[in-house]
């Protein structure tokens, strides 16, 4: 079917606002249903636009999915700078994972649908960022500030999984704490606790070295 080009009146109303509405609706639908389950018609309805505008702005469902994925990378580049403090870095990731629950759930859907690198179009950029973020753990390990029994990459995976857990398992948050995973109070306490785990790992290694 040929793509319908929206008329001038549709494009000129507020293109940036329309584009953002579609992105927000796409993130919500993809996070709730995954790529396979999300429907263009449902995204358009949620955004309050004609579904042809999704093709106009993003080239269709696949293009929108890629654009939605880029939102997290943009946020990470702007807000999650790598710092020379492992506990605080872990704390920041916990806050990000809980505060941006839809992105965390989207990542979980990608994992469930993962079939290998051939279909993983964003793997190179994601892998680069993961390795960059793991440098703090590797440096602590190399400097003897982390128990030598820990594998830095395994520990990084543990921290990332924990940071995203509230968004992926909101029912467990409610069951264990009686709070919602989106509650600012819960997010703050959870981030502090995860940061404390990283702090204790480092301090115990220091204590062992002094002994």
N, C-alpha and C. Protein backbone atom coordinates (compact mmCIF):
# COMPACT_ATOMS: atom_id res chain seq x y z
N UNK A 1 0.84 -1.19 0.00
CA UNK A 1 0.00 0.00 0.00
C UNK A 1 0.88 1.24 0.00
N UNK A 2 0.59 2.19 -0.87
CA UNK A 2 1.39 3.40 -0.95
C UNK A 2 1.22 4.24 0.32
N UNK A 3 2.30 4.84 0.76
CA UNK A 3 2.24 5.67 1.95
C UNK A 3 1.55 6.97 1.63
N UNK A 4 0.57 7.35 2.45
CA UNK A 4 -0.13 8.61 2.24
C UNK A 4 0.66 9.72 2.89
N UNK A 5 0.93 10.77 2.11
CA UNK A 5 1.62 11.92 2.66
C UNK A 5 0.61 12.85 3.31
N UNK A 6 0.78 13.15 4.60
CA UNK A 6 -0.16 14.04 5.26
C UNK A 6 -0.23 15.39 4.58
N UNK A 7 -1.38 15.98 4.60
CA UNK A 7 -1.57 17.28 3.98
C UNK A 7 -0.85 18.36 4.74
N UNK A 8 -0.68 19.54 4.12
CA UNK A 8 0.04 20.64 4.76
C UNK A 8 -0.54 21.03 6.11
N UNK A 9 -1.87 20.98 6.22
CA UNK A 9 -2.49 21.38 7.48
C UNK A 9 -2.09 20.43 8.61
N UNK A 10 -1.96 19.12 8.30
CA UNK A 10 -1.56 18.15 9.31
C UNK A 10 -0.12 18.36 9.74
N UNK A 11 0.76 18.67 8.79
CA UNK A 11 2.17 18.82 9.10
C UNK A 11 2.46 20.11 9.85
N UNK A 12 1.67 21.16 9.59
CA UNK A 12 2.00 22.46 10.12
C UNK A 12 1.34 22.75 11.46
N UNK A 13 0.44 21.90 11.92
CA UNK A 13 -0.21 22.17 13.20
C UNK A 13 0.81 22.32 14.31
N UNK A 14 1.61 21.31 14.49
CA UNK A 14 2.68 21.33 15.48
C UNK A 14 3.47 20.05 15.30
N UNK A 15 4.35 20.00 14.30
CA UNK A 15 5.05 18.75 13.97
C UNK A 15 5.86 18.17 15.11
N UNK A 16 6.55 19.02 15.87
CA UNK A 16 7.37 18.50 16.96
C UNK A 16 6.49 17.90 18.06
N UNK A 17 5.39 18.56 18.34
CA UNK A 17 4.48 18.04 19.36
C UNK A 17 3.87 16.73 18.90
N UNK A 18 3.48 16.66 17.62
CA UNK A 18 2.90 15.43 17.09
C UNK A 18 3.91 14.29 17.14
N UNK A 19 5.13 14.59 16.74
CA UNK A 19 6.18 13.57 16.74
C UNK A 19 6.40 13.06 18.16
N UNK A 20 6.43 13.97 19.14
CA UNK A 20 6.66 13.56 20.52
C UNK A 20 5.49 12.74 21.05
N UNK A 21 4.28 13.10 20.66
CA UNK A 21 3.10 12.32 21.07
C UNK A 21 3.20 10.88 20.56
N UNK A 22 3.66 10.74 19.33
CA UNK A 22 3.81 9.41 18.75
C UNK A 22 4.91 8.63 19.48
N UNK A 23 6.02 9.30 19.77
CA UNK A 23 7.11 8.65 20.50
C UNK A 23 6.64 8.18 21.88
N UNK A 24 5.92 9.04 22.59
CA UNK A 24 5.43 8.69 23.93
C UNK A 24 4.47 7.51 23.85
N UNK A 25 3.59 7.55 22.86
CA UNK A 25 2.62 6.46 22.71
C UNK A 25 3.32 5.17 22.29
N UNK A 26 4.34 5.29 21.43
CA UNK A 26 5.08 4.12 21.01
C UNK A 26 5.81 3.47 22.17
N UNK A 27 6.44 4.29 23.00
CA UNK A 27 7.13 3.75 24.17
C UNK A 27 6.16 3.02 25.09
N UNK A 28 5.00 3.61 25.32
CA UNK A 28 4.01 2.99 26.20
C UNK A 28 3.52 1.65 25.64
N UNK A 29 3.23 1.60 24.35
CA UNK A 29 2.72 0.38 23.72
C UNK A 29 3.79 -0.70 23.64
N UNK A 30 5.00 -0.32 23.22
CA UNK A 30 6.08 -1.31 23.12
C UNK A 30 6.45 -1.85 24.50
N UNK A 31 6.45 -0.97 25.51
CA UNK A 31 6.77 -1.42 26.86
C UNK A 31 5.72 -2.35 27.40
N UNK A 32 4.46 -2.12 27.03
CA UNK A 32 3.37 -2.94 27.55
C UNK A 32 3.24 -4.27 26.80
N UNK A 33 3.56 -4.28 25.50
CA UNK A 33 3.25 -5.45 24.68
C UNK A 33 4.45 -6.02 23.93
N UNK A 34 5.58 -5.34 23.97
CA UNK A 34 6.70 -5.78 23.16
C UNK A 34 6.52 -5.36 21.72
N UNK A 35 7.58 -5.54 20.92
CA UNK A 35 7.50 -5.13 19.51
C UNK A 35 6.43 -5.92 18.77
N UNK A 36 6.44 -7.23 18.95
CA UNK A 36 5.52 -8.08 18.20
C UNK A 36 4.06 -7.81 18.56
N UNK A 37 3.80 -7.51 19.82
CA UNK A 37 2.42 -7.34 20.25
C UNK A 37 1.85 -5.96 20.01
N UNK A 38 2.71 -4.97 19.84
CA UNK A 38 2.24 -3.60 19.64
C UNK A 38 1.66 -3.44 18.24
N UNK A 39 0.58 -2.71 18.14
CA UNK A 39 -0.09 -2.46 16.86
C UNK A 39 -0.05 -0.97 16.53
N UNK A 40 0.23 -0.69 15.25
CA UNK A 40 0.32 0.70 14.81
C UNK A 40 -0.98 1.44 15.10
N UNK A 41 -2.11 0.77 14.89
CA UNK A 41 -3.39 1.41 15.13
C UNK A 41 -3.56 1.80 16.60
N UNK A 42 -3.10 0.93 17.50
CA UNK A 42 -3.21 1.22 18.93
C UNK A 42 -2.29 2.37 19.33
N UNK A 43 -1.10 2.41 18.72
CA UNK A 43 -0.17 3.50 19.00
C UNK A 43 -0.77 4.82 18.54
N UNK A 44 -1.34 4.81 17.33
CA UNK A 44 -1.94 6.03 16.80
C UNK A 44 -3.11 6.48 17.67
N UNK A 45 -3.91 5.53 18.11
CA UNK A 45 -5.05 5.88 18.96
C UNK A 45 -4.59 6.47 20.29
N UNK A 46 -3.55 5.89 20.86
CA UNK A 46 -3.03 6.40 22.12
C UNK A 46 -2.47 7.81 21.93
N UNK A 47 -1.83 8.05 20.78
CA UNK A 47 -1.24 9.35 20.50
C UNK A 47 -2.27 10.37 20.05
N UNK A 48 -3.46 9.89 19.64
CA UNK A 48 -4.49 10.80 19.15
C UNK A 48 -4.20 11.35 17.78
N UNK A 49 -3.56 10.50 16.93
CA UNK A 49 -3.22 10.95 15.58
C UNK A 49 -3.67 9.91 14.56
N UNK A 50 -3.67 10.32 13.30
CA UNK A 50 -3.92 9.39 12.20
C UNK A 50 -2.72 8.45 12.08
N UNK A 51 -2.96 7.15 11.95
CA UNK A 51 -1.84 6.20 11.93
C UNK A 51 -0.90 6.42 10.75
N UNK A 52 -1.39 7.11 9.68
CA UNK A 52 -0.50 7.41 8.56
C UNK A 52 0.64 8.34 8.98
N UNK A 53 0.42 9.10 10.05
CA UNK A 53 1.48 9.99 10.51
C UNK A 53 2.66 9.22 11.08
N UNK A 54 2.43 8.01 11.54
CA UNK A 54 3.54 7.19 12.02
C UNK A 54 4.47 6.83 10.87
N UNK A 55 3.88 6.53 9.74
CA UNK A 55 4.70 6.27 8.55
C UNK A 55 5.38 7.55 8.07
N UNK A 56 4.67 8.65 8.15
CA UNK A 56 5.23 9.92 7.68
C UNK A 56 6.45 10.33 8.50
N UNK A 57 6.33 10.26 9.81
CA UNK A 57 7.41 10.73 10.69
C UNK A 57 8.51 9.69 10.90
N UNK A 58 8.15 8.40 10.91
CA UNK A 58 9.12 7.37 11.30
C UNK A 58 9.31 6.26 10.28
N UNK A 59 8.55 6.29 9.21
CA UNK A 59 8.69 5.24 8.20
C UNK A 59 7.99 3.95 8.57
N UNK A 60 7.17 3.97 9.60
CA UNK A 60 6.43 2.78 10.00
C UNK A 60 6.80 2.30 11.39
N UNK A 61 6.31 1.13 11.73
CA UNK A 61 6.49 0.57 13.08
C UNK A 61 7.96 0.34 13.42
N UNK A 62 8.73 -0.19 12.49
CA UNK A 62 10.13 -0.49 12.76
C UNK A 62 10.92 0.78 13.04
N UNK A 63 10.67 1.81 12.24
CA UNK A 63 11.36 3.07 12.45
C UNK A 63 10.99 3.71 13.77
N UNK A 64 9.73 3.60 14.14
CA UNK A 64 9.29 4.14 15.43
C UNK A 64 9.96 3.39 16.57
N UNK A 65 10.06 2.08 16.44
CA UNK A 65 10.69 1.27 17.49
C UNK A 65 12.15 1.69 17.69
N UNK A 66 12.85 1.92 16.59
CA UNK A 66 14.24 2.36 16.70
C UNK A 66 14.32 3.73 17.36
N UNK A 67 13.42 4.62 16.99
CA UNK A 67 13.42 5.96 17.56
C UNK A 67 13.13 5.92 19.05
N UNK A 68 12.22 5.04 19.45
CA UNK A 68 11.90 4.89 20.87
C UNK A 68 13.13 4.39 21.62
N UNK A 69 13.86 3.43 21.04
CA UNK A 69 15.06 2.92 21.67
C UNK A 69 16.12 3.99 21.84
N UNK A 70 16.18 4.91 20.89
CA UNK A 70 17.18 5.98 20.97
C UNK A 70 16.90 6.95 22.10
N UNK A 71 15.64 7.00 22.57
CA UNK A 71 15.30 7.90 23.66
C UNK A 71 16.13 7.58 24.90
N UNK A 72 16.31 6.28 25.19
CA UNK A 72 17.09 5.90 26.37
C UNK A 72 18.55 6.27 26.22
N UNK A 73 19.10 6.05 25.01
CA UNK A 73 20.49 6.39 24.80
C UNK A 73 20.70 7.89 24.95
N UNK A 74 19.74 8.69 24.48
CA UNK A 74 19.84 10.14 24.63
C UNK A 74 19.81 10.52 26.10
N UNK A 75 18.91 9.88 26.85
CA UNK A 75 18.83 10.16 28.28
C UNK A 75 20.12 9.76 28.98
N UNK A 76 20.64 8.59 28.64
CA UNK A 76 21.86 8.10 29.28
C UNK A 76 23.03 9.02 28.99
N UNK A 77 23.14 9.48 27.75
CA UNK A 77 24.25 10.36 27.39
C UNK A 77 24.18 11.68 28.13
N UNK A 78 22.94 12.17 28.35
CA UNK A 78 22.76 13.47 28.98
C UNK A 78 22.81 13.40 30.50
N UNK A 79 22.27 12.33 31.08
CA UNK A 79 22.05 12.30 32.52
C UNK A 79 22.91 11.28 33.28
N UNK A 80 23.37 10.24 32.60
CA UNK A 80 24.08 9.17 33.31
C UNK A 80 25.55 9.15 32.90
N UNK A 81 26.24 10.20 33.27
CA UNK A 81 27.65 10.26 32.96
C UNK A 81 28.43 9.28 33.84
N UNK A 82 29.45 8.66 33.28
CA UNK A 82 30.30 7.76 34.05
C UNK A 82 31.12 8.59 35.03
N UNK A 83 31.05 8.25 36.30
CA UNK A 83 31.76 9.00 37.33
C UNK A 83 32.70 8.07 38.08
N UNK A 84 33.66 8.67 38.79
CA UNK A 84 34.69 7.88 39.48
C UNK A 84 34.21 7.51 40.88
N UNK A 85 33.06 6.88 40.97
CA UNK A 85 32.49 6.50 42.26
C UNK A 85 31.49 5.38 42.00
N UNK A 86 31.93 4.15 42.23
CA UNK A 86 31.09 3.01 41.89
C UNK A 86 29.76 2.99 42.65
N UNK A 87 29.73 3.18 43.97
CA UNK A 87 28.43 3.16 44.66
C UNK A 87 27.45 4.20 44.13
N UNK A 88 27.95 5.42 43.84
CA UNK A 88 27.05 6.46 43.33
C UNK A 88 26.60 6.14 41.91
N UNK A 89 27.50 5.53 41.11
CA UNK A 89 27.11 5.14 39.75
C UNK A 89 26.01 4.09 39.80
N UNK A 90 26.14 3.12 40.69
CA UNK A 90 25.11 2.09 40.84
C UNK A 90 23.80 2.73 41.31
N UNK A 91 23.91 3.66 42.24
CA UNK A 91 22.71 4.35 42.73
C UNK A 91 22.01 5.10 41.60
N UNK A 92 22.77 5.77 40.75
CA UNK A 92 22.17 6.50 39.63
C UNK A 92 21.44 5.56 38.68
N UNK A 93 22.03 4.40 38.43
CA UNK A 93 21.38 3.45 37.53
C UNK A 93 20.11 2.89 38.14
N UNK A 94 20.10 2.72 39.45
CA UNK A 94 18.88 2.25 40.11
C UNK A 94 17.78 3.28 39.98
N UNK A 95 18.12 4.54 40.17
CA UNK A 95 17.13 5.61 40.02
C UNK A 95 16.63 5.68 38.58
N UNK A 96 17.54 5.56 37.63
CA UNK A 96 17.15 5.63 36.22
C UNK A 96 16.25 4.46 35.84
N UNK A 97 16.61 3.25 36.29
CA UNK A 97 15.83 2.08 35.95
C UNK A 97 14.43 2.12 36.52
N UNK A 98 14.31 2.62 37.77
CA UNK A 98 13.00 2.68 38.40
C UNK A 98 12.18 3.86 37.90
N UNK A 99 12.85 4.99 37.63
CA UNK A 99 12.13 6.19 37.20
C UNK A 99 11.69 6.10 35.75
N UNK A 100 12.42 5.35 34.96
CA UNK A 100 12.08 5.18 33.54
C UNK A 100 11.67 3.73 33.32
N UNK A 101 10.61 3.36 34.02
CA UNK A 101 10.17 1.96 34.00
C UNK A 101 9.80 1.44 32.64
N UNK A 102 9.23 2.30 31.80
CA UNK A 102 8.84 1.83 30.48
C UNK A 102 10.05 1.42 29.65
N UNK A 103 11.15 2.17 29.76
CA UNK A 103 12.38 1.79 29.04
C UNK A 103 12.94 0.49 29.57
N UNK A 104 12.87 0.29 30.89
CA UNK A 104 13.36 -0.96 31.48
C UNK A 104 12.52 -2.14 31.02
N UNK A 105 11.21 -1.95 30.96
CA UNK A 105 10.34 -3.03 30.49
C UNK A 105 10.55 -3.32 29.01
N UNK A 106 10.85 -2.27 28.24
CA UNK A 106 11.15 -2.46 26.83
C UNK A 106 12.41 -3.31 26.67
N UNK A 107 13.40 -3.05 27.52
CA UNK A 107 14.63 -3.86 27.49
C UNK A 107 14.33 -5.31 27.83
N UNK A 108 13.41 -5.52 28.78
CA UNK A 108 13.04 -6.89 29.14
C UNK A 108 12.36 -7.60 27.97
N UNK A 109 11.47 -6.89 27.27
CA UNK A 109 10.82 -7.48 26.10
C UNK A 109 11.86 -7.85 25.03
N UNK A 110 12.84 -6.98 24.85
CA UNK A 110 13.89 -7.28 23.86
C UNK A 110 14.63 -8.56 24.23
N UNK A 111 14.88 -8.72 25.53
CA UNK A 111 15.56 -9.92 25.98
C UNK A 111 14.73 -11.17 25.73
N UNK A 112 13.43 -11.09 25.97
CA UNK A 112 12.56 -12.24 25.75
C UNK A 112 12.49 -12.62 24.28
N UNK A 113 12.61 -11.62 23.41
CA UNK A 113 12.51 -11.88 21.97
C UNK A 113 13.87 -12.11 21.31
N UNK A 114 14.96 -12.05 22.10
CA UNK A 114 16.30 -12.12 21.53
C UNK A 114 16.57 -13.48 20.91
N UNK A 115 17.06 -13.47 19.67
CA UNK A 115 17.37 -14.71 18.96
C UNK A 115 18.80 -14.75 18.46
N UNK A 116 19.60 -13.77 18.84
CA UNK A 116 20.99 -13.74 18.39
C UNK A 116 21.34 -12.38 17.81
N UNK A 117 22.64 -12.21 17.52
CA UNK A 117 23.13 -10.91 17.09
C UNK A 117 22.64 -10.50 15.71
N UNK A 118 22.24 -11.44 14.87
CA UNK A 118 21.81 -11.08 13.51
C UNK A 118 20.62 -10.14 13.53
N UNK A 119 19.72 -10.33 14.46
CA UNK A 119 18.55 -9.47 14.52
C UNK A 119 18.65 -8.37 15.54
N UNK A 120 19.83 -8.19 16.11
CA UNK A 120 20.02 -7.20 17.17
C UNK A 120 20.70 -5.97 16.58
N UNK A 121 19.89 -5.05 16.05
CA UNK A 121 20.44 -3.94 15.27
C UNK A 121 21.21 -2.94 16.11
N UNK A 122 20.95 -2.86 17.41
CA UNK A 122 21.61 -1.87 18.24
C UNK A 122 22.73 -2.47 19.09
N UNK A 123 23.17 -3.66 18.77
CA UNK A 123 24.10 -4.37 19.65
C UNK A 123 25.44 -3.65 19.79
N UNK A 124 25.99 -3.11 18.72
CA UNK A 124 27.31 -2.50 18.79
C UNK A 124 27.32 -1.30 19.74
N UNK A 125 26.34 -0.41 19.60
CA UNK A 125 26.27 0.77 20.46
C UNK A 125 26.00 0.37 21.90
N UNK A 126 25.08 -0.56 22.11
CA UNK A 126 24.78 -1.00 23.48
C UNK A 126 25.99 -1.65 24.13
N UNK A 127 26.69 -2.50 23.38
CA UNK A 127 27.86 -3.18 23.92
C UNK A 127 28.95 -2.18 24.30
N UNK A 128 29.13 -1.16 23.48
CA UNK A 128 30.14 -0.14 23.76
C UNK A 128 29.82 0.57 25.07
N UNK A 129 28.56 0.93 25.25
CA UNK A 129 28.16 1.64 26.47
C UNK A 129 28.27 0.73 27.69
N UNK A 130 27.91 -0.52 27.53
CA UNK A 130 28.02 -1.45 28.65
C UNK A 130 29.46 -1.60 29.10
N UNK A 131 30.37 -1.75 28.14
CA UNK A 131 31.78 -1.90 28.49
C UNK A 131 32.33 -0.63 29.14
N UNK A 132 31.87 0.52 28.65
CA UNK A 132 32.29 1.78 29.25
C UNK A 132 31.82 1.88 30.70
N UNK A 133 30.57 1.50 30.93
CA UNK A 133 30.02 1.58 32.28
C UNK A 133 30.65 0.56 33.23
N UNK A 134 31.19 -0.52 32.68
CA UNK A 134 31.81 -1.54 33.51
C UNK A 134 33.23 -1.18 33.92
N UNK A 135 33.77 -0.11 33.36
CA UNK A 135 35.16 0.25 33.64
C UNK A 135 35.41 0.51 35.12
N UNK A 136 34.43 1.12 35.82
CA UNK A 136 34.63 1.39 37.24
C UNK A 136 34.85 0.11 38.03
N UNK A 137 34.08 -0.92 37.68
CA UNK A 137 34.23 -2.20 38.37
C UNK A 137 35.56 -2.85 38.01
N UNK A 138 35.93 -2.77 36.75
CA UNK A 138 37.20 -3.35 36.31
C UNK A 138 38.38 -2.66 36.98
N UNK A 139 38.30 -1.33 37.10
CA UNK A 139 39.38 -0.58 37.73
C UNK A 139 39.50 -0.93 39.21
N UNK A 140 38.36 -1.04 39.88
CA UNK A 140 38.38 -1.42 41.30
C UNK A 140 38.95 -2.82 41.48
N UNK A 141 38.61 -3.70 40.56
CA UNK A 141 39.09 -5.07 40.61
C UNK A 141 40.60 -5.10 40.39
N UNK A 142 41.07 -4.35 39.39
CA UNK A 142 42.50 -4.33 39.06
C UNK A 142 43.32 -3.70 40.18
N UNK A 143 42.74 -2.75 40.90
CA UNK A 143 43.45 -2.04 41.97
C UNK A 143 43.39 -2.78 43.30
N UNK A 144 42.72 -3.93 43.32
CA UNK A 144 42.61 -4.69 44.55
C UNK A 144 41.57 -4.16 45.51
N UNK A 145 40.69 -3.25 45.05
CA UNK A 145 39.65 -2.68 45.90
C UNK A 145 38.38 -3.52 45.85
N UNK A 146 38.41 -4.59 45.10
CA UNK A 146 37.27 -5.48 44.98
C UNK A 146 37.77 -6.91 45.15
N UNK A 147 37.05 -7.68 45.91
CA UNK A 147 37.43 -9.07 46.16
C UNK A 147 37.76 -9.76 44.83
N UNK A 148 38.91 -10.37 44.77
CA UNK A 148 39.38 -10.98 43.52
C UNK A 148 38.50 -12.11 43.02
N UNK A 149 37.63 -12.63 43.89
CA UNK A 149 36.72 -13.70 43.46
C UNK A 149 35.62 -13.20 42.55
N UNK A 150 35.39 -11.89 42.53
CA UNK A 150 34.35 -11.34 41.67
C UNK A 150 34.84 -11.19 40.24
N UNK A 151 33.98 -11.56 39.31
CA UNK A 151 34.21 -11.29 37.89
C UNK A 151 33.55 -9.94 37.61
N UNK A 152 34.31 -8.92 37.17
CA UNK A 152 33.74 -7.59 36.96
C UNK A 152 32.52 -7.57 36.05
N UNK A 153 32.53 -8.36 34.97
CA UNK A 153 31.41 -8.33 34.05
C UNK A 153 30.18 -9.02 34.65
N UNK A 154 30.41 -10.07 35.43
CA UNK A 154 29.28 -10.71 36.10
C UNK A 154 28.66 -9.77 37.14
N UNK A 155 29.52 -9.03 37.84
CA UNK A 155 29.02 -8.09 38.84
C UNK A 155 28.26 -6.95 38.18
N UNK A 156 28.75 -6.50 37.03
CA UNK A 156 28.04 -5.45 36.29
C UNK A 156 26.65 -5.94 35.89
N UNK A 157 26.56 -7.17 35.44
CA UNK A 157 25.27 -7.73 35.04
C UNK A 157 24.34 -7.81 36.25
N UNK A 158 24.88 -8.17 37.40
CA UNK A 158 24.07 -8.24 38.62
C UNK A 158 23.52 -6.86 38.97
N UNK A 159 24.37 -5.83 38.91
CA UNK A 159 23.93 -4.48 39.23
C UNK A 159 22.87 -3.98 38.25
N UNK A 160 23.09 -4.22 36.96
CA UNK A 160 22.12 -3.77 35.95
C UNK A 160 20.78 -4.48 36.14
N UNK A 161 20.83 -5.77 36.39
CA UNK A 161 19.60 -6.53 36.59
C UNK A 161 18.85 -6.02 37.82
N UNK A 162 19.59 -5.76 38.88
CA UNK A 162 18.97 -5.26 40.10
C UNK A 162 18.37 -3.87 39.88
N UNK A 163 19.08 -3.02 39.15
CA UNK A 163 18.60 -1.66 38.91
C UNK A 163 17.27 -1.66 38.16
N UNK A 164 17.09 -2.61 37.26
CA UNK A 164 15.87 -2.67 36.45
C UNK A 164 14.76 -3.50 37.09
N UNK A 165 15.08 -4.19 38.17
CA UNK A 165 14.11 -5.11 38.78
C UNK A 165 12.78 -4.47 39.18
N UNK A 166 12.76 -3.28 39.81
CA UNK A 166 11.47 -2.72 40.21
C UNK A 166 10.52 -2.48 39.04
N UNK A 167 11.07 -2.04 37.91
CA UNK A 167 10.21 -1.79 36.74
C UNK A 167 9.72 -3.07 36.12
N UNK A 168 10.55 -4.10 36.15
CA UNK A 168 10.18 -5.38 35.53
C UNK A 168 9.29 -6.20 36.44
N UNK A 169 9.47 -6.06 37.76
CA UNK A 169 8.69 -6.84 38.72
C UNK A 169 7.95 -5.94 39.71
N UNK A 170 7.08 -5.05 39.22
CA UNK A 170 6.38 -4.16 40.16
C UNK A 170 5.52 -4.92 41.15
N UNK A 171 5.05 -6.12 40.77
CA UNK A 171 4.22 -6.91 41.68
C UNK A 171 5.03 -7.40 42.88
N UNK A 172 6.32 -7.65 42.68
CA UNK A 172 7.18 -8.07 43.79
C UNK A 172 7.46 -6.89 44.72
N UNK A 173 7.61 -5.72 44.14
CA UNK A 173 7.80 -4.52 44.97
C UNK A 173 6.60 -4.33 45.89
N UNK A 174 5.41 -4.43 45.32
CA UNK A 174 4.20 -4.25 46.12
C UNK A 174 4.10 -5.35 47.17
N UNK A 175 4.37 -6.60 46.76
CA UNK A 175 4.24 -7.71 47.69
C UNK A 175 5.21 -7.62 48.86
N UNK A 176 6.43 -7.16 48.60
CA UNK A 176 7.46 -7.11 49.64
C UNK A 176 7.39 -5.85 50.50
N UNK A 177 7.04 -4.73 49.88
CA UNK A 177 7.13 -3.45 50.59
C UNK A 177 5.78 -2.77 50.81
N UNK A 178 4.77 -3.20 50.06
CA UNK A 178 3.48 -2.52 50.13
C UNK A 178 3.47 -1.21 49.38
N UNK A 179 4.54 -0.90 48.64
CA UNK A 179 4.64 0.35 47.89
C UNK A 179 4.54 0.07 46.39
N UNK A 180 4.36 1.13 45.63
CA UNK A 180 4.38 0.99 44.18
C UNK A 180 5.80 1.23 43.68
N UNK A 181 6.16 0.58 42.59
CA UNK A 181 7.51 0.71 42.05
C UNK A 181 7.80 2.12 41.55
N UNK A 182 6.73 2.91 41.28
CA UNK A 182 6.91 4.27 40.78
C UNK A 182 7.02 5.30 41.88
N UNK A 183 6.80 4.88 43.12
CA UNK A 183 6.81 5.82 44.24
C UNK A 183 8.20 6.45 44.42
N UNK A 184 8.30 7.78 44.45
CA UNK A 184 9.61 8.42 44.65
C UNK A 184 10.28 7.97 45.94
N UNK A 185 9.48 7.73 46.98
CA UNK A 185 10.05 7.28 48.24
C UNK A 185 10.68 5.90 48.10
N UNK A 186 9.98 5.01 47.41
CA UNK A 186 10.54 3.68 47.19
C UNK A 186 11.79 3.75 46.33
N UNK A 187 11.73 4.51 45.24
CA UNK A 187 12.86 4.61 44.33
C UNK A 187 14.10 5.11 45.06
N UNK A 188 13.93 6.13 45.90
CA UNK A 188 15.06 6.67 46.65
C UNK A 188 15.66 5.65 47.59
N UNK A 189 14.81 4.94 48.33
CA UNK A 189 15.31 3.94 49.29
C UNK A 189 15.96 2.78 48.56
N UNK A 190 15.36 2.35 47.47
CA UNK A 190 15.91 1.22 46.71
C UNK A 190 17.29 1.59 46.15
N UNK A 191 17.41 2.79 45.59
CA UNK A 191 18.69 3.22 45.02
C UNK A 191 19.75 3.31 46.11
N UNK A 192 19.38 3.82 47.27
CA UNK A 192 20.33 3.91 48.38
C UNK A 192 20.80 2.51 48.82
N UNK A 193 19.88 1.57 48.85
CA UNK A 193 20.24 0.22 49.27
C UNK A 193 21.18 -0.45 48.27
N UNK A 194 20.90 -0.26 46.99
CA UNK A 194 21.76 -0.87 45.97
C UNK A 194 23.13 -0.21 45.98
N UNK A 195 23.16 1.11 46.18
CA UNK A 195 24.44 1.80 46.29
C UNK A 195 25.22 1.31 47.50
N UNK A 196 24.50 1.01 48.58
CA UNK A 196 25.16 0.51 49.79
C UNK A 196 25.80 -0.85 49.55
N UNK A 197 25.15 -1.69 48.76
CA UNK A 197 25.73 -2.99 48.42
C UNK A 197 27.09 -2.78 47.74
N UNK A 198 27.15 -1.87 46.77
CA UNK A 198 28.41 -1.61 46.07
C UNK A 198 29.44 -1.05 47.04
N UNK A 199 29.00 -0.16 47.93
CA UNK A 199 29.92 0.43 48.90
C UNK A 199 30.50 -0.63 49.83
N UNK A 200 29.66 -1.55 50.28
CA UNK A 200 30.12 -2.60 51.19
C UNK A 200 31.07 -3.57 50.48
N UNK A 201 30.81 -3.85 49.22
CA UNK A 201 31.71 -4.72 48.47
C UNK A 201 33.12 -4.14 48.43
N UNK A 202 33.19 -2.84 48.21
CA UNK A 202 34.49 -2.19 48.14
C UNK A 202 35.15 -2.08 49.52
N UNK A 203 34.37 -1.70 50.53
CA UNK A 203 34.94 -1.52 51.86
C UNK A 203 35.41 -2.84 52.45
N UNK A 204 34.68 -3.92 52.20
CA UNK A 204 35.10 -5.22 52.70
C UNK A 204 36.39 -5.68 52.04
N UNK A 205 36.53 -5.34 50.77
CA UNK A 205 37.78 -5.68 50.07
C UNK A 205 38.93 -4.90 50.69
N UNK A 206 38.68 -3.61 51.02
CA UNK A 206 39.73 -2.79 51.65
C UNK A 206 40.10 -3.36 53.02
N UNK A 207 39.08 -3.80 53.77
CA UNK A 207 39.34 -4.37 55.09
C UNK A 207 40.18 -5.64 55.00
N UNK A 208 39.87 -6.45 53.99
CA UNK A 208 40.62 -7.68 53.79
C UNK A 208 42.08 -7.40 53.47
N UNK A 209 42.28 -6.36 52.62
CA UNK A 209 43.64 -6.00 52.23
C UNK A 209 44.43 -5.49 53.43
N UNK A 210 43.78 -4.68 54.31
CA UNK A 210 44.47 -4.16 55.48
C UNK A 210 44.82 -5.28 56.47
N UNK A 211 43.93 -6.29 56.55
CA UNK A 211 44.20 -7.40 57.46
C UNK A 211 45.39 -8.21 56.98
